[in-house]
Amino acid sequence: MAAPDALQPSTRINLESATVLVLDDNGPSLEILAQVVSGFGVNALLRAESVAEAQKHVLAKTLDLIISDVQMPEVDGCEFIQWLRREGGEANRYVPVILVTGHTRASQILKIRDAGANFTVAKPITPKVLLERVYWVAREDRMFIECDSYVGPDRRFKHMGPPPGADGRRRDDLPAEVGVAVEANMSQDEINSLMKPAKVSV
């Protein structure tokens, strides 16, 4: 499954007029993320250290992009995106979302995808990878799907399903935060293959 085109040295992206929300409950991590996004030329940058704060921004401003951490207390990034897709208001329900995570097991990436995110970036983030995902978002060609069980970019696959071993954790496994991972972490290329499925033949 081919990934979207990579950024070329000649590629130019103008983000000066974009309004971007960055969300991370960890202050230093939020600062790093904000500095990286500011380095892309974004002038209208909104920051949130909690989902509640992010929700206020969503309801008050029209956004062009959201970049959020996944692992947060009480309400995590996946739950935030599910809220956004269903209750975020018409101005922002369809806004592209890039989620950042340090846990890149297949089950976690599938959970992120199924929450309605456009792309996932593995930690530690690099400006090059994040900018490439922003570029991919700008060239997004997937339809937006709305049904009872899912709201978000089309996640269907052509000729292939999720990779082997992507059935999730076993019932008797320890929780991820205290147990040893039962799945290997995925590479960024493997993550991309789940987040950017090929078009479906009609």
Protein backbone atom coordinates (compact mmCIF):
# COMPACT_ATOMS: atom_id res chain seq x y z
CA MET A 1 0.00 0.00 0.00
CA ALA A 2 1.68 3.18 -1.14
CA ALA A 3 2.04 6.08 1.25
CA PRO A 4 1.29 9.63 0.09
CA ASP A 5 4.05 11.46 -1.70
CA ALA A 6 6.99 12.49 0.44
CA LEU A 7 7.97 16.13 0.72
CA GLN A 8 10.44 17.23 -1.92
CA PRO A 9 13.05 19.97 -1.31
CA SER A 10 11.13 22.15 -3.78
CA THR A 11 7.78 21.71 -1.98
CA ARG A 12 6.38 24.91 -0.50
CA ILE A 13 3.65 24.97 2.15
CA ASN A 14 2.20 28.28 3.31
CA LEU A 15 0.69 27.97 6.80
CA GLU A 16 0.70 31.66 7.71
CA SER A 17 -3.08 31.95 7.54
CA ALA A 18 -3.81 28.56 9.19
CA THR A 19 -5.32 28.35 12.68
CA VAL A 20 -3.84 25.36 14.50
CA LEU A 21 -4.70 23.90 17.91
CA VAL A 22 -2.04 21.89 19.77
CA LEU A 23 -3.08 19.79 22.77
CA ASP A 24 -0.86 18.06 25.33
CA ASP A 25 -1.33 17.77 29.09
CA ASN A 26 2.45 17.80 29.63
CA GLY A 27 3.68 21.41 29.70
CA PRO A 28 7.23 20.82 28.31
CA SER A 29 5.89 18.50 25.59
CA LEU A 30 3.26 21.08 24.67
CA GLU A 31 5.96 23.74 24.42
CA ILE A 32 8.07 21.57 22.10
CA LEU A 33 5.07 20.80 19.92
CA ALA A 34 4.08 24.47 19.79
CA GLN A 35 7.62 25.51 18.84
CA VAL A 36 7.74 22.96 16.04
CA VAL A 37 4.37 24.09 14.65
CA SER A 38 5.35 27.76 14.97
CA GLY A 39 8.48 26.91 13.00
CA PHE A 40 6.22 25.92 10.11
CA GLY A 41 5.09 29.56 9.84
CA VAL A 42 1.79 29.22 11.75
CA ASN A 43 0.82 32.58 13.23
CA ALA A 44 -2.55 31.66 14.78
CA LEU A 45 -1.48 28.94 17.23
CA LEU A 46 -3.79 27.91 20.05
CA ARG A 47 -2.51 25.81 22.97
CA ALA A 48 -4.41 23.57 25.37
CA GLU A 49 -3.13 21.57 28.35
CA SER A 50 -6.40 19.67 28.84
CA VAL A 51 -9.24 18.32 26.73
CA ALA A 52 -11.64 20.71 28.49
CA GLU A 53 -9.48 23.66 27.41
CA ALA A 54 -9.25 22.27 23.86
CA GLN A 55 -13.04 21.89 23.70
CA LYS A 56 -13.44 25.58 24.56
CA HIS A 57 -11.16 26.51 21.66
CA VAL A 58 -13.08 24.20 19.31
CA LEU A 59 -16.39 25.81 20.21
CA ALA A 60 -15.01 29.36 19.96
CA LYS A 61 -12.76 29.30 16.85
CA THR A 62 -12.76 27.87 13.35
CA LEU A 63 -9.71 25.64 13.09
CA ASP A 64 -7.68 24.37 10.13
CA LEU A 65 -5.77 21.63 11.97
CA ILE A 66 -5.57 19.94 15.37
CA ILE A 67 -2.43 18.18 16.63
CA SER A 68 -3.00 16.29 19.88
CA ASP A 69 -1.23 13.90 22.19
CA VAL A 70 -3.08 10.64 22.83
CA GLN A 71 -2.12 9.66 26.39
CA MET A 72 -3.82 12.11 28.76
CA PRO A 73 -5.56 11.61 32.12
CA GLU A 74 -9.35 11.45 32.44
CA VAL A 75 -10.14 12.11 28.75
CA ASP A 76 -7.56 10.96 26.22
CA GLY A 77 -6.88 12.10 22.67
CA CYS A 78 -9.08 9.42 21.12
CA GLU A 79 -12.08 10.41 23.23
CA PHE A 80 -11.45 14.06 22.36
CA ILE A 81 -11.52 13.27 18.64
CA GLN A 82 -14.71 11.23 19.02
CA TRP A 83 -16.30 14.21 20.79
CA LEU A 84 -15.01 16.56 18.09
CA ARG A 85 -16.43 14.47 15.24
CA ARG A 86 -19.90 14.24 16.82
CA GLU A 87 -20.29 17.34 19.00
CA GLY A 88 -17.60 19.79 17.92
CA GLY A 89 -19.95 22.02 15.96
CA GLU A 90 -20.30 22.32 12.20
CA ALA A 91 -17.27 24.61 11.87
CA ASN A 92 -14.83 22.02 13.22
CA ARG A 93 -16.36 18.54 12.96
CA TYR A 94 -14.39 17.84 9.80
CA VAL A 95 -11.13 19.54 10.77
CA PRO A 96 -8.07 17.35 10.08
CA VAL A 97 -6.54 15.76 13.17
CA ILE A 98 -3.02 14.43 13.67
CA LEU A 99 -2.53 12.41 16.86
CA VAL A 100 0.89 11.96 18.45
CA THR A 101 1.63 8.87 20.53
CA GLY A 102 4.48 7.07 22.24
CA HIS A 103 2.54 3.78 22.18
CA THR A 104 2.60 2.52 18.61
CA ARG A 105 1.38 -1.05 18.96
CA ALA A 106 -1.03 -2.08 16.23
CA SER A 107 -4.01 -2.13 18.63
CA GLN A 108 -3.30 1.46 19.67
CA ILE A 109 -2.95 2.69 16.08
CA LEU A 110 -6.21 0.98 15.14
CA LYS A 111 -7.91 2.65 18.12
CA ILE A 112 -6.60 6.05 16.98
CA ARG A 113 -7.69 5.43 13.39
CA ASP A 114 -11.12 4.28 14.52
CA ALA A 115 -11.57 7.40 16.65
CA GLY A 116 -11.55 9.47 13.45
CA ALA A 117 -7.98 10.79 13.27
CA ASN A 118 -6.44 11.54 9.88
CA PHE A 119 -2.88 10.51 10.71
CA THR A 120 -0.68 9.35 13.59
CA VAL A 121 2.90 10.39 14.33
CA ALA A 122 5.11 8.33 16.62
CA LYS A 123 7.05 9.98 19.43
CA PRO A 124 9.62 11.38 19.63
CA ILE A 125 8.32 13.68 16.91
CA THR A 126 10.63 15.29 14.39
CA PRO A 127 9.77 18.48 12.48
CA LYS A 128 10.33 16.69 9.16
CA VAL A 129 7.84 13.89 9.86
CA LEU A 130 5.24 16.22 11.36
CA LEU A 131 5.49 18.66 8.44
CA GLU A 132 5.14 15.77 6.01
CA ARG A 133 1.91 14.70 7.76
CA VAL A 134 0.61 18.28 7.57
CA TYR A 135 1.39 18.14 3.84
CA TRP A 136 -0.50 14.86 3.56
CA VAL A 137 -3.47 16.39 5.35
CA ALA A 138 -3.44 19.29 2.88
CA ARG A 139 -3.60 16.76 0.02
CA GLU A 140 -6.16 14.51 1.73
CA ASP A 141 -8.38 12.72 -0.77
CA ARG A 142 -10.41 10.42 1.47
CA MET A 143 -14.15 10.88 1.80
CA PHE A 144 -15.55 11.77 5.22
CA ILE A 145 -17.79 9.00 6.56
CA GLU A 146 -20.68 9.54 8.98
CA CYS A 147 -22.62 6.60 10.40
CA ASP A 148 -23.85 5.39 13.79
CA SER A 149 -20.58 3.66 14.71
CA TYR A 150 -17.99 5.94 13.10
CA VAL A 151 -17.41 9.54 12.04
CA GLY A 152 -14.17 10.42 10.30
CA PRO A 153 -12.04 9.88 7.19
CA ASP A 154 -12.75 6.75 5.15
CA ARG A 155 -10.71 3.93 6.74
CA ARG A 156 -11.64 1.09 4.39
CA PHE A 157 -8.94 -1.04 2.77
CA LYS A 158 -8.65 -2.32 -0.76
CA HIS A 159 -7.50 -5.94 -1.05
CA MET A 160 -6.05 -6.04 2.46
CA GLY A 161 -7.10 -5.75 6.05
CA PRO A 162 -5.16 -4.83 9.18
CA PRO A 163 -1.75 -6.46 9.52
CA PRO A 164 -1.43 -9.81 11.31
CA GLY A 165 -1.59 -9.59 15.09
CA ALA A 166 -3.74 -6.44 15.11
CA ASP A 167 -6.61 -8.00 17.06
CA GLY A 168 -5.87 -6.08 20.27
CA ARG A 169 -4.81 -7.09 23.74
CA ARG A 170 -5.88 -10.29 25.45
CA ARG A 171 -8.37 -10.09 28.30
CA ASP A 172 -5.81 -11.26 30.89
CA ASP A 173 -2.97 -8.93 29.81
CA LEU A 174 -1.89 -6.25 32.25
CA PRO A 175 -2.91 -2.67 31.39
CA ALA A 176 -0.44 -0.93 29.05
CA GLU A 177 0.70 1.56 31.66
CA VAL A 178 1.91 -1.14 34.06
CA GLY A 179 2.38 -4.23 31.92
CA VAL A 180 4.92 -5.31 29.37
CA ALA A 181 3.72 -4.79 25.81
CA VAL A 182 2.39 -7.94 24.19
CA GLU A 183 2.77 -6.50 20.71
CA ALA A 184 5.84 -4.98 19.11
CA ASN A 185 5.74 -1.26 18.44
CA MET A 186 5.00 -0.41 14.83
CA SER A 187 7.35 1.58 12.62
CA GLN A 188 6.21 4.93 11.22
CA ASP A 189 5.79 3.27 7.81
CA GLU A 190 3.51 0.59 9.32
CA ILE A 191 1.51 3.28 11.08
CA ASN A 192 1.16 5.16 7.80
CA SER A 193 -0.17 2.04 6.07
CA LEU A 194 -3.01 1.82 8.59
CA MET A 195 -3.82 5.51 8.60
CA LYS A 196 -3.80 6.01 4.82
CA PRO A 197 -5.70 3.15 3.18
CA ALA A 198 -5.97 2.86 -0.59
CA LYS A 199 -9.15 3.95 -2.35
CA VAL A 200 -11.97 1.46 -2.42
CA SER A 201 -13.24 0.24 -5.77
CA VAL A 202 -16.91 1.06 -6.26
